[in-house]
Amino acid sequence: MSKTISNATLRLWIYQGQFGSRTADPTYTLYKERISEENSIVFEVSELIRDYTTVTFTGDFAAINQTAWVEWEMTRTFSDTTSDVVIGSGICFNGYGYFEDGINPELSTGLMQSNTIIYHKKGDPFYLPVYTGLNGSYSVKYYDGASLEKTVTLGMKSKKITVNPTLEDNWTVDDCKGCSPAGGKYTADMTHINIGGTETIVTTDAYYDTPSTVEIEDMKGNKTTCSVFEIEECKFTPYRVSFLNKFGVVQNVYFFKRRDESINVTKDSYEANTITSSDTTTATSEGSIFGTTVNYSLNAPTKRFFNVKGKKKLKLNTGFVDESFNEVIQQILLR
């Protein structure tokens, strides 16, 4: 009879800053026992991690904080009283998936926004969020028409492992000398190998001009191309909206057309007594009774307000955009 899991203890460390700077005590310690009708134990930790993935952004992309680290240690105990420990780590984003994406959807490890058609205000720095961690983006190239204006190398690149290559700089799988049978081959447990570069995690790369095309290449040579349209609005004042997209990073969108503002106010009120009185030693007029002068103000309001709340609405217009921008607007509304 094969052994089954009996219980598991999960220890989670969630923190920001340098990787490895976790505290001695875990952020969470979770314990679960297997339900008799099931064969596994599932821990739901996304909302716990979200609480510690704080996004801090003041408009300066150089000082943005939008990720956190998570490290875990799971101790599993089995039906035969044996146990083991599984450890791991990862980077956390405050992102999300749609229902049709299924459970635990994988977010992008390249361009970290949904749209590849970008409308940009003339004269503003151009920002683009890209992932540069493990298996992420290797380079970003900026083109003005057919002319390559700038190349930014971000992360690692790899070459495909081949047998008997024709190019000298390829990584190879050599003949296995002394193998039985003779002439056998070594086997590889991976298809690509890193060939250098530095590694950060998320870079919102700044380009102080407006390119016509941006090409993002990942470490395996896969490319994503973005088309950029520079717009100079002559009638209305453009507004830049920075929002947290579905990938969990801050993205810029420009609204170039008409802006409308409105305000909605709710409040409670009561009727106030405006009559005043003052003591006098002698009743000297018909308006005084037993030495007290009674009067009311002609200027003081009888209706007083409290619990006054105002909600201001701002309506922005993009102008005519590509149909793919529906997804971008949806992500703005979902935040």
Protein backbone atom coordinates (compact mmCIF):
# COMPACT_ATOMS: atom_id res chain seq x y z
CA MET A 1 0.00 0.00 0.00
CA SER A 2 1.46 3.32 -1.03
CA LYS A 3 1.85 6.02 1.56
CA THR A 4 -0.40 9.08 1.60
CA ILE A 5 0.07 12.50 3.12
CA SER A 6 -1.39 12.92 6.61
CA ASN A 7 -0.73 16.57 7.46
CA ALA A 8 1.41 19.52 6.40
CA THR A 9 2.82 22.63 8.04
CA LEU A 10 3.55 25.61 5.81
CA ARG A 11 5.79 28.44 6.94
CA LEU A 12 5.71 31.61 4.83
CA TRP A 13 8.07 34.57 4.86
CA ILE A 14 6.82 37.62 2.92
CA TYR A 15 8.96 40.74 2.81
CA GLN A 16 10.22 43.57 0.64
CA GLY A 17 13.76 44.74 0.04
CA GLN A 18 16.77 42.57 -0.70
CA PHE A 19 16.14 38.89 -1.30
CA GLY A 20 17.20 36.80 1.69
CA SER A 21 16.57 39.55 4.24
CA ARG A 22 13.73 37.65 5.88
CA THR A 23 13.18 37.61 9.63
CA ALA A 24 13.81 34.57 11.80
CA ASP A 25 10.12 34.09 12.49
CA PRO A 26 7.80 33.41 9.53
CA THR A 27 5.05 35.82 8.56
CA TYR A 28 2.52 32.98 8.63
CA THR A 29 2.52 29.40 9.93
CA LEU A 30 -0.30 27.26 8.54
CA TYR A 31 -1.20 23.71 9.52
CA LYS A 32 -3.69 21.42 7.73
CA GLU A 33 -4.65 17.77 7.93
CA ARG A 34 -5.77 15.74 4.95
CA ILE A 35 -9.50 15.26 4.61
CA SER A 36 -10.28 11.55 4.41
CA GLU A 37 -12.00 11.83 1.02
CA GLU A 38 -9.07 13.66 -0.60
CA ASN A 39 -5.55 12.67 -1.59
CA SER A 40 -3.82 16.02 -1.20
CA ILE A 41 -3.61 19.13 0.94
CA VAL A 42 -4.12 22.57 -0.60
CA PHE A 43 -3.04 25.88 0.96
CA GLU A 44 -4.69 29.05 -0.35
CA VAL A 45 -2.11 31.79 0.26
CA SER A 46 -2.74 34.44 -2.41
CA GLU A 47 -4.73 36.80 -0.17
CA LEU A 48 -2.22 36.37 2.65
CA ILE A 49 0.63 37.34 0.34
CA ARG A 50 -1.36 40.23 -1.15
CA ASP A 51 -1.54 41.88 2.27
CA TYR A 52 2.24 42.28 2.25
CA THR A 53 2.70 43.19 -1.41
CA THR A 54 2.44 46.94 -0.98
CA VAL A 55 2.63 49.16 -4.05
CA THR A 56 4.25 52.56 -3.42
CA PHE A 57 4.27 55.02 -6.31
CA THR A 58 4.48 58.81 -6.25
CA GLY A 59 4.90 59.37 -9.98
CA ASP A 60 8.63 58.64 -9.99
CA PHE A 61 9.34 55.28 -11.64
CA ALA A 62 12.92 55.34 -10.34
CA ALA A 63 11.60 55.06 -6.76
CA ILE A 64 8.66 52.72 -7.34
CA ASN A 65 8.02 49.71 -5.10
CA GLN A 66 5.56 47.18 -6.53
CA THR A 67 6.80 43.69 -5.64
CA ALA A 68 7.63 41.52 -2.65
CA TRP A 69 9.54 38.30 -1.96
CA VAL A 70 8.04 35.10 -0.62
CA GLU A 71 9.93 32.12 0.75
CA TRP A 72 8.25 28.95 1.95
CA GLU A 73 9.11 25.84 3.91
CA MET A 74 6.58 22.99 3.95
CA THR A 75 6.94 20.01 6.27
CA ARG A 76 4.89 17.04 5.06
CA THR A 77 4.08 14.06 7.27
CA PHE A 78 2.95 10.80 5.62
CA SER A 79 0.85 7.86 6.69
CA ASP A 80 3.94 5.73 7.37
CA THR A 81 5.15 8.44 9.86
CA THR A 82 7.94 9.59 7.54
CA SER A 83 8.24 13.26 6.66
CA ASP A 84 10.09 15.57 4.32
CA VAL A 85 10.65 19.29 3.84
CA VAL A 86 9.99 21.23 0.64
CA ILE A 87 11.45 24.73 0.31
CA GLY A 88 11.11 27.37 -2.37
CA SER A 89 10.93 31.08 -3.13
CA GLY A 90 9.39 33.46 -5.62
CA ILE A 91 8.51 37.04 -6.43
CA CYS A 92 5.05 38.44 -5.67
CA PHE A 93 2.94 40.80 -7.76
CA ASN A 94 -0.41 42.28 -6.86
CA GLY A 95 -1.89 40.93 -10.10
CA TYR A 96 -4.84 38.78 -11.01
CA GLY A 97 -6.27 36.50 -13.67
CA TYR A 98 -9.72 36.15 -15.18
CA PHE A 99 -12.09 33.26 -14.50
CA GLU A 100 -11.40 31.70 -17.90
CA ASP A 101 -7.64 31.72 -17.15
CA GLY A 102 -8.10 28.90 -14.66
CA ILE A 103 -6.42 28.44 -11.28
CA ASN A 104 -3.00 30.00 -10.67
CA PRO A 105 -2.61 31.64 -14.11
CA GLU A 106 0.92 32.46 -15.21
CA LEU A 107 1.44 36.15 -15.78
CA SER A 108 3.77 37.55 -18.42
CA THR A 109 7.54 37.13 -18.10
CA GLY A 110 8.20 39.66 -20.85
CA LEU A 111 6.10 42.72 -21.61
CA MET A 112 4.01 43.32 -18.48
CA GLN A 113 0.99 44.93 -20.08
CA SER A 114 -1.80 43.61 -22.29
CA ASN A 115 -1.69 46.12 -25.15
CA THR A 116 1.00 46.24 -27.82
CA ILE A 117 -0.46 49.39 -29.41
CA ILE A 118 0.54 52.44 -27.37
CA TYR A 119 -0.62 56.06 -27.65
CA HIS A 120 1.94 58.42 -26.18
CA LYS A 121 2.00 62.16 -25.52
CA LYS A 122 4.65 64.03 -27.46
CA GLY A 123 7.40 65.39 -25.24
CA ASP A 124 6.86 63.04 -22.28
CA PRO A 125 9.35 60.30 -21.34
CA PHE A 126 8.29 56.90 -22.64
CA TYR A 127 7.92 54.18 -19.99
CA LEU A 128 7.40 50.46 -20.59
CA PRO A 129 7.13 47.77 -17.84
CA VAL A 130 9.10 44.58 -18.60
CA TYR A 131 10.00 41.55 -16.51
CA THR A 132 13.71 40.87 -16.25
CA GLY A 133 13.85 38.05 -13.72
CA LEU A 134 14.33 34.35 -14.39
CA ASN A 135 13.28 33.52 -17.98
CA GLY A 136 12.36 37.17 -18.46
CA SER A 137 13.31 39.87 -20.92
CA TYR A 138 16.85 40.10 -22.25
CA SER A 139 16.74 43.35 -24.21
CA VAL A 140 14.53 46.23 -25.30
CA LYS A 141 15.18 47.90 -28.66
CA TYR A 142 13.79 51.28 -29.66
CA TYR A 143 13.27 52.07 -33.34
CA ASP A 144 12.46 55.28 -35.15
CA GLY A 145 11.06 53.88 -38.35
CA ALA A 146 13.64 51.39 -39.60
CA SER A 147 16.47 53.02 -37.63
CA LEU A 148 17.56 51.39 -34.35
CA GLU A 149 17.93 54.28 -31.89
CA LYS A 150 18.70 52.52 -28.61
CA THR A 151 19.22 49.04 -27.17
CA VAL A 152 18.88 48.33 -23.45
CA THR A 153 20.25 45.01 -22.18
CA LEU A 154 18.30 43.98 -19.10
CA GLY A 155 18.68 40.36 -18.09
CA MET A 156 20.09 36.99 -19.06
CA LYS A 157 20.14 35.41 -22.48
CA SER A 158 20.47 31.77 -23.44
CA LYS A 159 21.45 29.61 -26.34
CA LYS A 160 19.78 26.40 -27.32
CA ILE A 161 21.62 23.20 -26.45
CA THR A 162 22.47 21.30 -29.64
CA VAL A 163 24.36 18.17 -30.65
CA ASN A 164 27.22 18.51 -33.18
CA PRO A 165 26.70 22.25 -33.77
CA THR A 166 27.82 24.06 -36.88
CA LEU A 167 28.45 27.30 -34.96
CA GLU A 168 31.45 27.49 -32.67
CA ASP A 169 29.75 29.50 -29.94
CA ASN A 170 26.81 27.11 -29.43
CA TRP A 171 26.60 24.98 -26.31
CA THR A 172 26.88 21.32 -27.17
CA VAL A 173 26.09 17.84 -25.93
CA ASP A 174 29.21 15.81 -26.72
CA ASP A 175 29.64 12.14 -27.50
CA CYS A 176 29.77 10.00 -24.41
CA LYS A 177 33.21 8.41 -24.50
CA GLY A 178 33.30 5.03 -22.86
CA CYS A 179 29.53 4.66 -22.95
CA SER A 180 27.97 1.29 -23.52
CA PRO A 181 26.95 0.89 -26.23
CA ALA A 182 29.80 2.79 -27.84
CA GLY A 183 28.91 6.06 -29.50
CA GLY A 184 26.13 6.85 -27.04
CA LYS A 185 25.21 10.41 -26.18
CA TYR A 186 24.95 12.39 -22.99
CA THR A 187 21.40 13.52 -22.33
CA ALA A 188 20.43 16.99 -21.13
CA ASP A 189 17.70 17.84 -18.63
CA MET A 190 17.25 21.35 -20.07
CA THR A 191 16.97 22.86 -23.52
CA HIS A 192 18.66 26.23 -22.99
CA ILE A 193 21.55 27.56 -20.92
CA ASN A 194 22.23 31.10 -19.68
CA ILE A 195 25.15 32.87 -21.34
CA GLY A 196 25.54 35.89 -19.10
CA GLY A 197 24.07 39.26 -18.28
CA THR A 198 22.69 40.84 -15.14
CA GLU A 199 19.36 40.20 -13.52
CA THR A 200 16.84 42.42 -11.84
CA ILE A 201 13.15 41.65 -11.57
CA VAL A 202 10.90 44.37 -13.01
CA THR A 203 12.17 47.34 -14.97
CA THR A 204 10.01 50.23 -16.11
CA ASP A 205 12.45 51.36 -18.72
CA ALA A 206 12.51 55.07 -19.57
CA TYR A 207 13.22 56.40 -23.06
CA TYR A 208 13.35 60.19 -23.34
CA ASP A 209 11.89 60.38 -26.80
CA THR A 210 9.02 58.67 -28.58
CA PRO A 211 9.94 55.57 -30.62
CA SER A 212 7.76 54.30 -33.42
CA THR A 213 8.41 50.65 -32.52
CA VAL A 214 9.68 48.85 -29.44
CA GLU A 215 10.95 45.26 -29.59
CA ILE A 216 11.23 43.17 -26.41
CA GLU A 217 13.30 39.99 -26.67
CA ASP A 218 13.29 37.30 -24.01
CA MET A 219 16.19 35.04 -23.06
CA LYS A 220 15.17 32.40 -25.60
CA GLY A 221 14.99 34.81 -28.49
CA ASN A 222 11.19 35.23 -28.57
CA LYS A 223 10.21 38.76 -29.55
CA THR A 224 7.24 41.01 -28.76
CA THR A 225 6.78 44.14 -30.85
CA CYS A 226 4.90 47.25 -29.68
CA SER A 227 3.72 49.96 -32.05
CA VAL A 228 3.89 53.48 -30.58
CA PHE A 229 1.85 56.42 -31.87
CA GLU A 230 3.03 59.87 -30.80
CA ILE A 231 0.15 62.30 -30.35
CA GLU A 232 0.36 66.08 -30.07
CA GLU A 233 -3.04 67.31 -28.86
CA CYS A 234 -3.72 70.91 -29.88
CA LYS A 235 -7.20 71.52 -28.38
CA PHE A 236 -7.49 69.69 -25.06
CA THR A 237 -5.07 69.13 -22.18
CA PRO A 238 -3.86 65.48 -22.12
CA TYR A 239 -3.86 63.65 -18.79
CA ARG A 240 -1.67 60.72 -17.83
CA VAL A 241 -3.28 57.99 -15.70
CA SER A 242 -0.96 55.55 -13.92
CA PHE A 243 -2.80 52.45 -12.77
CA LEU A 244 -2.01 48.98 -11.44
CA ASN A 245 -2.71 46.56 -14.29
CA LYS A 246 -3.59 42.84 -14.16
CA PHE A 247 0.11 41.91 -14.09
CA GLY A 248 0.54 43.82 -10.82
CA VAL A 249 2.73 46.63 -12.18
CA VAL A 250 2.09 50.33 -12.76
CA GLN A 251 1.22 51.22 -16.37
CA ASN A 252 0.67 54.60 -18.03
CA VAL A 253 -2.31 55.49 -20.23
CA TYR A 254 -2.94 58.91 -21.77
CA PHE A 255 -6.34 60.53 -22.18
CA PHE A 256 -6.08 63.15 -24.89
CA LYS A 257 -9.59 64.50 -25.36
CA ARG A 258 -12.30 66.31 -23.41
CA ARG A 259 -12.35 66.31 -19.61
CA ASP A 260 -15.60 66.72 -17.63
CA GLU A 261 -15.87 67.22 -13.88
CA SER A 262 -18.93 66.84 -11.65
CA ILE A 263 -19.60 66.62 -7.95
CA ASN A 264 -22.31 64.84 -5.96
CA VAL A 265 -22.97 66.00 -2.39
CA THR A 266 -24.96 64.22 0.33
CA LYS A 267 -25.68 65.70 3.75
CA ASP A 268 -28.00 65.55 6.76
CA SER A 269 -29.69 68.56 8.33
CA TYR A 270 -31.69 69.68 11.36
CA GLU A 271 -33.71 72.76 12.37
CA ALA A 272 -31.78 74.94 14.79
CA ASN A 273 -33.26 77.20 17.49
CA THR A 274 -32.13 80.79 16.74
CA ILE A 275 -33.86 82.46 19.70
CA THR A 276 -31.49 84.17 22.12
CA SER A 277 -32.14 85.57 25.56
CA SER A 278 -30.31 87.80 28.06
CA ASP A 279 -31.00 88.66 31.70
CA THR A 280 -31.91 92.26 32.67
CA THR A 281 -32.57 93.68 36.08
CA THR A 282 -35.74 95.49 35.06
CA ALA A 283 -38.41 94.68 32.50
CA THR A 284 -38.51 97.83 30.35
CA SER A 285 -40.31 96.74 27.17
CA GLU A 286 -42.97 94.47 25.83
CA GLY A 287 -40.22 92.16 24.43
CA SER A 288 -38.96 91.39 27.94
CA ILE A 289 -40.56 89.00 30.40
CA PHE A 290 -39.62 88.85 34.10
CA GLY A 291 -36.31 90.60 33.47
CA THR A 292 -35.22 88.43 30.46
CA THR A 293 -34.81 89.89 26.97
CA VAL A 294 -35.80 87.44 24.22
CA ASN A 295 -34.84 87.93 20.58
CA TYR A 296 -33.79 86.07 17.44
CA SER A 297 -31.24 86.83 14.74
CA LEU A 298 -32.37 87.92 11.34
CA ASN A 299 -29.16 86.46 9.82
CA ALA A 300 -28.55 83.13 11.60
CA PRO A 301 -29.80 80.14 9.54
CA THR A 302 -32.40 77.86 11.05
CA LYS A 303 -31.29 74.88 8.95
CA ARG A 304 -27.94 73.43 9.98
CA PHE A 305 -26.02 70.72 8.08
CA PHE A 306 -23.83 67.87 9.31
CA ASN A 307 -22.28 64.69 7.92
CA VAL A 308 -21.56 66.51 4.67
CA LYS A 309 -19.94 64.25 2.04
CA GLY A 310 -18.84 65.15 -1.46
CA LYS A 311 -17.88 62.79 -4.26
CA LYS A 312 -16.14 64.34 -7.22
CA LYS A 313 -16.22 62.61 -10.60
CA LEU A 314 -13.74 63.07 -13.39
CA LYS A 315 -14.62 61.92 -16.89
CA LEU A 316 -11.73 61.54 -19.33
CA ASN A 317 -11.75 60.64 -23.01
CA THR A 318 -9.01 58.86 -24.90
CA GLY A 319 -10.12 59.78 -28.37
CA PHE A 320 -10.20 57.12 -31.08
CA VAL A 321 -8.06 54.11 -30.11
CA ASP A 322 -7.51 50.57 -31.34
CA GLU A 323 -10.06 47.95 -30.31
CA SER A 324 -7.41 46.18 -28.22
CA PHE A 325 -7.59 49.12 -25.81
CA ASN A 326 -10.87 47.71 -24.45
CA GLU A 327 -8.78 45.38 -22.29
CA VAL A 328 -6.75 48.30 -20.92
CA ILE A 329 -9.87 50.28 -19.99
CA GLN A 330 -11.33 47.17 -18.35
CA GLN A 331 -8.23 46.80 -16.19
CA ILE A 332 -8.47 50.45 -15.12
CA LEU A 333 -12.10 49.94 -14.07
CA LEU A 334 -11.28 46.73 -12.17
CA ARG A 335 -8.87 48.58 -9.90
